[in-house]
């Protein structure tokens, strides 16, 4: 299970947050959905089974921490429609 310490780098935090605001799920049931708009139970399920490797997994790891801490409203001004 990835932990935030393994997915979050303070040096690139601004870029990661902006990227996450525009990142869309590439495949599966939620293909095309902004990651920040994924249902929390889905993100928690993904966390329990293990995030994929690569950038998607890293973004999902950051998203997990955002979701479980109720920080989604911070993304409203950043989200691209």
Protein backbone atom coordinates (compact mmCIF):
# COMPACT_ATOMS: atom_id res chain seq x y z
CA UNK A 1 0.00 0.00 0.00
CA UNK A 2 1.48 3.34 -0.97
CA UNK A 3 1.70 5.92 1.76
CA UNK A 4 1.62 9.65 1.29
CA UNK A 5 5.29 9.86 2.25
CA UNK A 6 6.04 7.79 -0.85
CA UNK A 7 3.79 9.76 -3.18
CA UNK A 8 4.06 13.38 -2.02
CA UNK A 9 7.13 15.51 -2.60
CA UNK A 10 6.97 19.00 -1.03
CA UNK A 11 9.27 20.28 -3.76
CA UNK A 12 6.66 19.52 -6.44
CA UNK A 13 3.50 20.00 -4.35
CA UNK A 14 2.13 22.92 -6.36
CA UNK A 15 2.60 21.11 -9.66
CA UNK A 16 1.11 17.90 -8.24
CA UNK A 17 -1.99 19.68 -6.95
CA UNK A 18 -2.56 21.46 -10.27
CA UNK A 19 -2.01 18.21 -12.16
CA UNK A 20 -4.39 16.33 -9.89
CA UNK A 21 -7.08 18.97 -10.47
CA UNK A 22 -7.04 18.15 -14.20
CA UNK A 23 -6.08 14.42 -14.16
CA UNK A 24 -8.72 12.08 -15.56
CA UNK A 25 -9.10 8.38 -14.91
CA UNK A 26 -7.71 6.72 -18.05
CA UNK A 27 -9.74 3.50 -18.00
CA UNK A 28 -12.30 1.35 -16.25
CA UNK A 29 -15.71 2.16 -14.86
CA UNK A 30 -14.77 5.80 -14.23
CA UNK A 31 -12.82 6.41 -17.46
CA UNK A 32 -12.76 10.12 -18.25
CA UNK A 33 -13.77 11.18 -14.73
CA UNK A 34 -11.58 13.72 -12.96
CA UNK A 35 -9.72 11.89 -10.20
CA UNK A 36 -10.89 14.43 -7.63
CA UNK A 37 -14.49 13.52 -8.55
CA UNK A 38 -14.04 9.77 -8.00
CA UNK A 39 -16.23 8.43 -5.19
CA UNK A 40 -14.33 8.11 -1.92
CA UNK A 41 -15.28 4.41 -1.46
CA UNK A 42 -13.70 3.66 -4.86
CA UNK A 43 -10.46 5.42 -3.89
CA UNK A 44 -10.42 3.62 -0.52
CA UNK A 45 -10.99 0.30 -2.30
CA UNK A 46 -8.11 1.06 -4.66
CA UNK A 47 -5.93 1.90 -1.64
CA UNK A 48 -6.74 -1.44 -0.02
CA UNK A 49 -5.92 -3.45 -3.16
CA UNK A 50 -2.87 -1.36 -4.06
CA UNK A 51 -2.53 1.54 -6.45
CA UNK A 52 -1.10 0.90 -9.90
CA UNK A 53 2.53 1.73 -10.58
CA UNK A 54 3.52 4.95 -12.26
CA UNK A 55 1.96 8.38 -12.38
CA UNK A 56 -1.63 7.17 -12.00
CA UNK A 57 -0.74 5.32 -8.81
CA UNK A 58 1.11 8.35 -7.46
CA UNK A 59 -1.86 10.62 -8.20
CA UNK A 60 -4.28 8.13 -6.62
CA UNK A 61 -2.07 8.00 -3.51
CA UNK A 62 -2.23 11.77 -3.12
CA UNK A 63 -5.95 11.70 -3.88
CA UNK A 64 -6.53 9.09 -1.16
CA UNK A 65 -5.05 11.41 1.46
CA UNK A 66 -7.12 14.32 0.16
CA UNK A 67 -10.35 12.27 0.19
CA UNK A 68 -9.96 10.72 3.64
CA UNK A 69 -9.15 14.14 5.10
CA UNK A 70 -12.12 15.88 3.42
CA UNK A 71 -10.00 18.33 1.43
CA UNK A 72 -11.85 18.07 -1.92
CA UNK A 73 -13.44 21.55 -1.60
CA UNK A 74 -9.98 23.07 -1.94
CA UNK A 75 -9.96 21.85 -5.56
CA UNK A 76 -13.13 23.62 -6.74
CA UNK A 77 -11.31 26.77 -7.94
CA UNK A 78 -8.65 24.65 -9.70
CA UNK A 79 -10.79 22.17 -11.61
CA UNK A 80 -11.02 22.40 -15.39
CA UNK A 81 -14.39 21.51 -16.84
